[in-house]
N, C-alpha and C. Protein backbone atom coordinates (compact mmCIF):
# COMPACT_ATOMS: atom_id res chain seq x y z
N TYR A 1 101.41 85.23 107.96
CA TYR A 1 102.52 85.82 107.26
C TYR A 1 102.13 85.88 105.80
N ASP A 2 102.19 87.06 105.21
CA ASP A 2 101.87 87.26 103.82
C ASP A 2 103.01 87.95 103.13
N PRO A 3 103.86 87.24 102.34
CA PRO A 3 105.05 87.83 101.74
C PRO A 3 104.70 89.03 100.82
N THR A 4 103.52 89.04 100.30
CA THR A 4 103.20 90.15 99.39
C THR A 4 103.00 91.44 100.17
N SER A 5 102.78 91.34 101.49
CA SER A 5 102.66 92.57 102.29
C SER A 5 103.96 93.26 102.60
N LEU A 6 105.10 92.59 102.34
CA LEU A 6 106.33 93.19 102.62
C LEU A 6 106.74 94.19 101.54
N PRO A 7 107.44 95.24 101.90
CA PRO A 7 107.85 96.23 100.85
C PRO A 7 108.89 95.60 99.94
N ARG A 8 108.77 96.02 98.70
CA ARG A 8 109.71 95.49 97.70
C ARG A 8 110.90 96.46 97.56
N TYR A 9 112.07 95.84 97.50
CA TYR A 9 113.32 96.64 97.39
C TYR A 9 114.02 96.52 96.00
N ARG A 10 113.41 95.79 95.10
CA ARG A 10 114.04 95.66 93.81
C ARG A 10 113.94 97.00 93.11
N GLY A 11 115.09 97.42 92.60
CA GLY A 11 115.12 98.71 91.85
C GLY A 11 114.96 99.88 92.74
N SER A 12 114.95 99.63 94.04
CA SER A 12 114.85 100.79 94.96
C SER A 12 116.13 101.62 94.95
N SER A 13 115.93 102.92 95.11
CA SER A 13 117.10 103.81 95.13
C SER A 13 117.71 103.90 96.54
N GLN A 14 117.10 103.25 97.47
CA GLN A 14 117.60 103.27 98.88
C GLN A 14 118.89 102.46 98.91
N ARG A 15 119.88 102.96 99.62
CA ARG A 15 121.09 102.21 99.84
C ARG A 15 121.21 101.77 101.28
N LEU A 16 121.79 100.65 101.49
CA LEU A 16 121.98 100.20 102.81
C LEU A 16 123.06 101.05 103.49
N LYS A 17 122.87 101.32 104.73
CA LYS A 17 123.88 102.11 105.51
C LYS A 17 125.09 101.19 105.76
N PRO A 18 126.27 101.73 105.71
CA PRO A 18 127.43 100.92 106.00
C PRO A 18 127.37 100.48 107.47
N ALA A 19 127.93 99.28 107.71
CA ALA A 19 127.97 98.77 109.06
C ALA A 19 128.87 99.68 109.90
N ARG A 20 128.59 99.80 111.16
CA ARG A 20 129.53 100.61 112.02
C ARG A 20 130.82 99.86 112.20
N THR A 21 131.87 100.65 112.35
CA THR A 21 133.19 100.05 112.57
C THR A 21 133.80 100.62 113.83
N VAL A 22 134.61 99.87 114.41
CA VAL A 22 135.29 100.34 115.69
C VAL A 22 136.72 100.57 115.32
N ARG A 23 137.30 101.71 115.67
CA ARG A 23 138.68 102.01 115.41
C ARG A 23 139.40 102.20 116.72
N PHE A 24 140.54 101.55 116.82
CA PHE A 24 141.37 101.64 118.06
C PHE A 24 142.54 102.50 117.77
N PRO A 25 143.06 103.22 118.75
CA PRO A 25 144.31 103.98 118.55
C PRO A 25 145.46 103.05 118.19
N ASN A 26 146.35 103.60 117.38
CA ASN A 26 147.50 102.82 116.91
C ASN A 26 148.30 102.21 118.09
N ASP A 27 148.40 102.94 119.24
CA ASP A 27 149.11 102.39 120.35
C ASP A 27 148.50 101.11 120.88
N ILE A 28 147.18 101.04 120.84
CA ILE A 28 146.53 99.82 121.28
C ILE A 28 146.71 98.71 120.24
N VAL A 29 146.62 99.05 118.99
CA VAL A 29 146.69 98.07 117.89
C VAL A 29 148.13 97.41 117.94
N ILE A 30 149.17 98.26 118.06
CA ILE A 30 150.51 97.74 118.03
C ILE A 30 150.77 96.81 119.20
N GLN A 31 150.21 97.10 120.38
CA GLN A 31 150.38 96.19 121.53
C GLN A 31 149.80 94.84 121.24
N ASP A 32 148.60 94.84 120.60
CA ASP A 32 147.95 93.59 120.25
C ASP A 32 148.74 92.82 119.22
N ILE A 33 149.24 93.54 118.24
CA ILE A 33 150.00 92.85 117.21
C ILE A 33 151.26 92.22 117.79
N ILE A 34 151.93 92.96 118.73
CA ILE A 34 153.11 92.40 119.36
C ILE A 34 152.73 91.19 120.21
N ARG A 35 151.66 91.21 120.90
CA ARG A 35 151.23 90.03 121.72
C ARG A 35 150.93 88.86 120.80
N GLN A 36 150.43 89.13 119.65
CA GLN A 36 150.10 88.02 118.67
C GLN A 36 151.40 87.44 118.02
N GLY A 37 152.48 88.25 118.08
CA GLY A 37 153.73 87.78 117.54
C GLY A 37 153.88 87.98 116.03
N ASP A 38 153.10 88.88 115.48
CA ASP A 38 153.15 89.08 113.99
C ASP A 38 154.23 90.13 113.74
N VAL A 39 155.45 89.64 113.57
CA VAL A 39 156.63 90.43 113.36
C VAL A 39 156.56 91.25 112.07
N GLU A 40 156.00 90.65 111.02
CA GLU A 40 155.83 91.37 109.77
C GLU A 40 154.95 92.56 109.91
N GLN A 41 153.83 92.41 110.59
CA GLN A 41 152.89 93.52 110.77
C GLN A 41 153.50 94.56 111.67
N VAL A 42 154.25 94.21 112.66
CA VAL A 42 154.89 95.15 113.52
C VAL A 42 155.91 95.99 112.72
N GLY A 43 156.65 95.34 111.85
CA GLY A 43 157.53 96.10 110.96
C GLY A 43 156.81 97.09 110.05
N ARG A 44 155.67 96.65 109.54
CA ARG A 44 154.88 97.58 108.69
C ARG A 44 154.43 98.77 109.52
N PHE A 45 153.97 98.52 110.65
CA PHE A 45 153.47 99.66 111.51
C PHE A 45 154.57 100.64 111.81
N ILE A 46 155.80 100.16 112.11
CA ILE A 46 156.91 101.02 112.48
C ILE A 46 157.33 101.80 111.19
N ARG A 47 157.45 101.09 110.06
CA ARG A 47 157.89 101.76 108.83
C ARG A 47 156.89 102.83 108.39
N ALA A 48 155.61 102.64 108.67
CA ALA A 48 154.61 103.63 108.33
C ALA A 48 154.54 104.76 109.34
N ARG A 49 155.43 104.67 110.35
CA ARG A 49 155.53 105.72 111.40
C ARG A 49 154.14 105.91 112.07
N LYS A 50 153.46 104.82 112.39
CA LYS A 50 152.18 104.93 113.04
C LYS A 50 152.31 104.93 114.52
N VAL A 51 153.48 104.57 115.06
CA VAL A 51 153.74 104.50 116.46
C VAL A 51 155.11 105.08 116.81
N THR A 52 155.23 105.48 118.07
CA THR A 52 156.53 105.94 118.61
C THR A 52 156.95 104.85 119.58
N LEU A 53 158.15 104.28 119.36
CA LEU A 53 158.53 103.13 120.16
C LEU A 53 158.82 103.47 121.61
N SER A 54 159.09 104.71 121.93
CA SER A 54 159.38 105.09 123.32
C SER A 54 158.13 105.39 124.19
N THR A 55 157.01 105.31 123.55
CA THR A 55 155.70 105.57 124.21
C THR A 55 155.45 104.57 125.30
N LEU A 56 155.15 104.99 126.51
CA LEU A 56 154.63 104.08 127.54
C LEU A 56 153.09 104.06 127.34
N TYR A 57 152.57 102.89 127.11
CA TYR A 57 151.17 102.73 126.91
C TYR A 57 150.41 102.75 128.23
N PRO A 58 149.12 102.87 128.21
CA PRO A 58 148.32 102.88 129.43
C PRO A 58 148.60 101.70 130.34
N SER A 59 149.13 100.64 129.77
CA SER A 59 149.47 99.44 130.59
C SER A 59 150.70 99.73 131.44
N GLY A 60 151.41 100.83 131.12
CA GLY A 60 152.64 101.16 131.84
C GLY A 60 153.88 100.62 131.17
N LEU A 61 153.70 99.95 130.01
CA LEU A 61 154.79 99.30 129.27
C LEU A 61 155.02 99.96 127.95
N ALA A 62 156.21 99.83 127.43
CA ALA A 62 156.57 100.28 126.08
C ALA A 62 156.46 99.05 125.18
N ALA A 63 156.64 99.26 123.87
CA ALA A 63 156.51 98.18 122.88
C ALA A 63 157.53 97.08 123.18
N LEU A 64 158.71 97.42 123.55
CA LEU A 64 159.73 96.45 123.84
C LEU A 64 159.40 95.58 125.00
N HIS A 65 158.85 96.19 126.05
CA HIS A 65 158.39 95.43 127.21
C HIS A 65 157.31 94.44 126.81
N GLU A 66 156.37 94.86 126.00
CA GLU A 66 155.35 93.96 125.47
C GLU A 66 155.93 92.77 124.77
N ALA A 67 156.90 92.97 123.95
CA ALA A 67 157.53 91.93 123.18
C ALA A 67 158.26 90.92 124.12
N VAL A 68 158.87 91.43 125.12
CA VAL A 68 159.54 90.57 126.10
C VAL A 68 158.50 89.71 126.79
N LEU A 69 157.42 90.30 127.25
CA LEU A 69 156.40 89.57 127.94
C LEU A 69 155.72 88.48 127.06
N ALA A 70 155.71 88.77 125.74
CA ALA A 70 155.22 87.83 124.80
C ALA A 70 156.24 86.70 124.50
N GLY A 71 157.44 86.94 124.90
CA GLY A 71 158.50 85.93 124.70
C GLY A 71 158.94 85.88 123.26
N ASN A 72 158.86 86.96 122.51
CA ASN A 72 159.10 86.96 121.04
C ASN A 72 160.42 87.66 120.78
N LEU A 73 161.47 86.87 120.72
CA LEU A 73 162.80 87.36 120.46
C LEU A 73 162.92 88.07 119.07
N ASP A 74 162.31 87.52 118.07
CA ASP A 74 162.39 88.15 116.73
C ASP A 74 161.73 89.56 116.78
N CYS A 75 160.63 89.72 117.47
CA CYS A 75 160.01 91.01 117.59
C CYS A 75 160.94 91.99 118.37
N ILE A 76 161.54 91.46 119.43
CA ILE A 76 162.46 92.28 120.24
C ILE A 76 163.59 92.82 119.36
N LYS A 77 164.18 91.91 118.57
CA LYS A 77 165.31 92.34 117.69
C LYS A 77 164.85 93.35 116.64
N LEU A 78 163.65 93.20 116.16
CA LEU A 78 163.10 94.15 115.18
C LEU A 78 162.91 95.56 115.79
N LEU A 79 162.30 95.55 117.03
CA LEU A 79 162.06 96.79 117.71
C LEU A 79 163.37 97.53 118.04
N VAL A 80 164.38 96.83 118.49
CA VAL A 80 165.66 97.42 118.76
C VAL A 80 166.33 97.91 117.45
N ARG A 81 166.17 97.16 116.39
CA ARG A 81 166.74 97.59 115.13
C ARG A 81 166.11 98.95 114.67
N TYR A 82 164.80 99.11 114.97
CA TYR A 82 164.16 100.36 114.61
C TYR A 82 164.17 101.47 115.72
N GLY A 83 165.06 101.22 116.70
CA GLY A 83 165.33 102.36 117.64
C GLY A 83 164.73 102.21 119.05
N ALA A 84 164.12 101.07 119.37
CA ALA A 84 163.55 100.92 120.69
C ALA A 84 164.75 100.88 121.67
N ASP A 85 164.59 101.54 122.81
CA ASP A 85 165.67 101.65 123.80
C ASP A 85 165.66 100.44 124.73
N ILE A 86 166.70 99.65 124.66
CA ILE A 86 166.83 98.41 125.50
C ILE A 86 166.95 98.76 126.98
N HIS A 87 167.25 100.03 127.28
CA HIS A 87 167.37 100.43 128.69
C HIS A 87 166.16 101.20 129.21
N GLN A 88 165.12 101.36 128.33
CA GLN A 88 163.93 102.09 128.73
C GLN A 88 163.21 101.43 129.94
N LYS A 89 162.83 102.16 130.90
CA LYS A 89 162.11 101.61 132.05
C LYS A 89 160.59 101.76 131.92
N ASP A 90 159.89 100.81 132.45
CA ASP A 90 158.40 100.93 132.44
C ASP A 90 158.04 101.79 133.65
N GLU A 91 156.73 101.90 133.87
CA GLU A 91 156.26 102.79 134.99
C GLU A 91 156.75 102.33 136.31
N ASN A 92 157.15 101.08 136.47
CA ASN A 92 157.67 100.57 137.75
C ASN A 92 159.19 100.50 137.82
N GLY A 93 159.87 101.06 136.78
CA GLY A 93 161.32 101.09 136.79
C GLY A 93 161.98 99.84 136.25
N TRP A 94 161.20 98.94 135.64
CA TRP A 94 161.76 97.71 135.09
C TRP A 94 162.19 97.93 133.64
N THR A 95 163.38 97.40 133.30
CA THR A 95 163.83 97.40 131.93
C THR A 95 163.41 96.10 131.30
N PRO A 96 163.42 95.99 129.95
CA PRO A 96 163.11 94.69 129.36
C PRO A 96 164.04 93.57 129.86
N LEU A 97 165.26 93.80 130.16
CA LEU A 97 166.13 92.77 130.69
C LEU A 97 165.58 92.24 132.07
N HIS A 98 165.18 93.16 132.92
CA HIS A 98 164.59 92.74 134.21
C HIS A 98 163.34 91.84 133.97
N MET A 99 162.50 92.20 133.01
CA MET A 99 161.33 91.46 132.74
C MET A 99 161.67 90.04 132.22
N ALA A 100 162.68 90.02 131.32
CA ALA A 100 163.07 88.71 130.74
C ALA A 100 163.57 87.77 131.82
N CYS A 101 164.41 88.30 132.78
CA CYS A 101 164.91 87.48 133.86
C CYS A 101 163.80 87.03 134.78
N SER A 102 162.87 87.97 135.07
CA SER A 102 161.77 87.69 136.02
C SER A 102 160.84 86.65 135.50
N ASN A 103 160.66 86.60 134.16
CA ASN A 103 159.73 85.68 133.55
C ASN A 103 160.34 84.40 133.01
N GLY A 104 161.71 84.22 133.31
CA GLY A 104 162.31 82.97 132.90
C GLY A 104 162.69 82.87 131.48
N TYR A 105 162.69 84.00 130.74
CA TYR A 105 163.12 83.94 129.36
C TYR A 105 164.61 84.15 129.28
N THR A 106 165.36 83.08 129.52
CA THR A 106 166.82 83.18 129.57
C THR A 106 167.41 83.51 128.20
N HIS A 107 166.82 82.97 127.12
CA HIS A 107 167.31 83.26 125.79
C HIS A 107 167.14 84.72 125.46
N ILE A 108 166.05 85.33 125.89
CA ILE A 108 165.79 86.75 125.69
C ILE A 108 166.73 87.59 126.57
N ALA A 109 166.92 87.12 127.81
CA ALA A 109 167.79 87.88 128.73
C ALA A 109 169.22 87.92 128.16
N ARG A 110 169.70 86.78 127.66
CA ARG A 110 171.07 86.75 127.11
C ARG A 110 171.14 87.69 125.89
N SER A 111 170.20 87.63 125.05
CA SER A 111 170.16 88.51 123.88
C SER A 111 170.03 89.97 124.26
N ALA A 112 169.22 90.28 125.24
CA ALA A 112 169.02 91.69 125.66
C ALA A 112 170.31 92.17 126.33
N ALA A 113 171.03 91.27 127.05
CA ALA A 113 172.28 91.70 127.69
C ALA A 113 173.32 92.04 126.58
N THR A 114 173.36 91.30 125.58
CA THR A 114 174.34 91.58 124.45
C THR A 114 173.93 92.84 123.67
N MET A 115 172.61 93.03 123.57
CA MET A 115 172.15 94.23 122.88
C MET A 115 172.50 95.50 123.69
N SER A 116 172.47 95.40 124.97
CA SER A 116 172.73 96.52 125.84
C SER A 116 174.15 96.86 125.83
N LEU A 117 175.02 95.94 125.49
CA LEU A 117 176.47 96.16 125.43
C LEU A 117 176.87 96.81 124.13
N ALA A 118 176.02 96.59 123.08
CA ALA A 118 176.33 97.15 121.79
C ALA A 118 176.21 98.65 121.69
């Protein structure tokens, strides 16, 4: 190994190429943010109009269904405040209330029941 045989880059006009980046569609990103429970980031995404809350994702669920499965009541309230439909059905016909009951989230089921009455 001879370090003097290596090319010198000092003062070289060559620039390094930027690293490759991976970009995911906003629908995928919002699902991940909801699962992580980052309510502040979910709010930013909605306010920037990067997602439509009524969209059924490839998983067959809408944002509100994802929040219920994550057990995140604060996120559910935020989504409903921004217009998510508490009565929206997933691809199997389940509403967020059905999911909350099925998964044992009684506090979410109670809250969803009162939201649906409003």
